[in-house]
Amino acid sequence: MSGLPQGWVEAALTDVAEVRLGRQRSPKTHTGTNMRPYLRAANVTWQGLALGDVKEMHFDPAEVETYRLKAGDVLVAEASGSRSEVGKPAIWRAELHDCCFQNTLLRVRSRGPLPEYLLYFLKSEALEGRLGDVARGVGIYHIGAAGLSTYRLPVPPLDEQRRIVNVIEEHFSRLDAGWRLLVSLMNRIERLRGAVLDRMHQIDSREIPLDAVASMITDGDHRPPPRVASGVPHLTAKHVRKGRLMFDGCTFVSEEGYAQTSRRYAPQAGDVVITCVGTIGETAVVPEGVRFSADRNLAAVRLQDDQNHMTPQYLQMVLSSPSYRQLLAAASGSTAQPHLYLRDLRALKVPVPALYDQQEMVREAELALSLADALGTTVERSLHRSAQLRRSVLQRAFSGRLTGQDPTDETGTELLARGTTRRAVTAKPGRRNDD
């Protein structure tokens, strides 16, 4: 951290704030005489605190004093399965009475700097992935109280902190208004897509079980082979999105592995692939010239070519319509991991209009959906640009380039000295304040 403006100083977070890990949850705290609301990692989002689902557990009086939140406390996600989520912060504004916090969070309590300054600094570091970079662990990454306590930050004069926070919030207010407008527009685009797809099955026509128009309905290999560094792509439910097969981020199986999975299902052009575990009802038509191994969370429908003929494109659009997505979701149940069974897919009734009507509906729907996709792409780019602007504002703020400097401000060194004095006065003998 070099080239700081005059009057700024670099420090460890523990020099200017108390960093504490929250209280561990255990079976004996599920009930008790001193139940208190507590916040956990699920309550901390990039947009702030989400307080719609706040749990309670027992805290004895001494624990309440230790883990009670105070207005201005900054809560930081201590761990995550994704490095990009480690360190995600939010500020507590005393929204609930006597609220505490769990050990999936770290509490940062200022000893001098503005809490909002600490919030925006930690958000900047988390968004840039730097807090994730110092996290440790395999699968679940932990930053820990010790790791966050020693994290370095720039400490400007207190008046400069106020100017920085004010300018950040002014910029963010405008960006928030634009973001809300873009999200509203994206929701309208999705509703338009749904309306277009729902029209596919509103024409008067007979309905028959899907099994009656299919020559095969199956799913992928239930015991897929080991992955290899390169070879035949192995697709799972996450690789079926917005009517297409996506190969980005996929794993691979060997030719021998592909021979194994092909014994259960060998994809052919024109097959309609359906996600059947977890996320239910994402669909795509297998294009020409594509070869892949299918996981068990993918089902596939291969249509017949007879008097009940149905085009794959028509079936894919029908199944991806909101009405049919709801039917598929209902058939899959409401368990922790929904599962659409092949028997339910085979029994699903689908409309079978005349082939000419199918082709006309597909042609009209493709035109409308292509326009919606183009608009959606523009909105997504604007949302991405908005996120980049937020990061740029934060980067400029903590390098001293967002506001003008005032040489008459009290220096960061003086602020740091006051915080050190406060820490010495409040520290308990024999115990760290940041443990």
Foldseek 3Di string as FASTA:
>chain_A
DDDFDPQKDKDFLLLWWFKAFFAADDPVFQDDDAKAWADAPVQFDLVAGDDPDIHITDDPPVNLVLFFDDFLKKKFQFKDLDLLRGGRIHGDHCPDPSYGYHRRIMIIGGLFARSLLVNLLSNLCSNVSNLSVCFDDDSMTGCDLVNRRRDMAMFWFRVLSVVLSVLLVVLVVVLVVVLVVLVVVLVVLVVLLLVLLQVLFPDDFDKAFLLVFFPDKFFWDADQDDFDQDDAWEDAPVQQPDQAGHRPPTTHDHPVRQVVRVVRPWDDAQKWKFFFKAQGQRIYGHHPPHGHGYYRRIMITHGDDDPLDDGSLSVSSNSNRPVNSVVQQVCQDDDPMGGRDRVNNRRDIGGRDDRVSSVVSSVVSVVSNVVSVVVSVVSVVVSVVSVVVSSVSSVCSRSVNNDDDDVPGNGSVVSSVSSNVVCVVPDDPPDDSSD
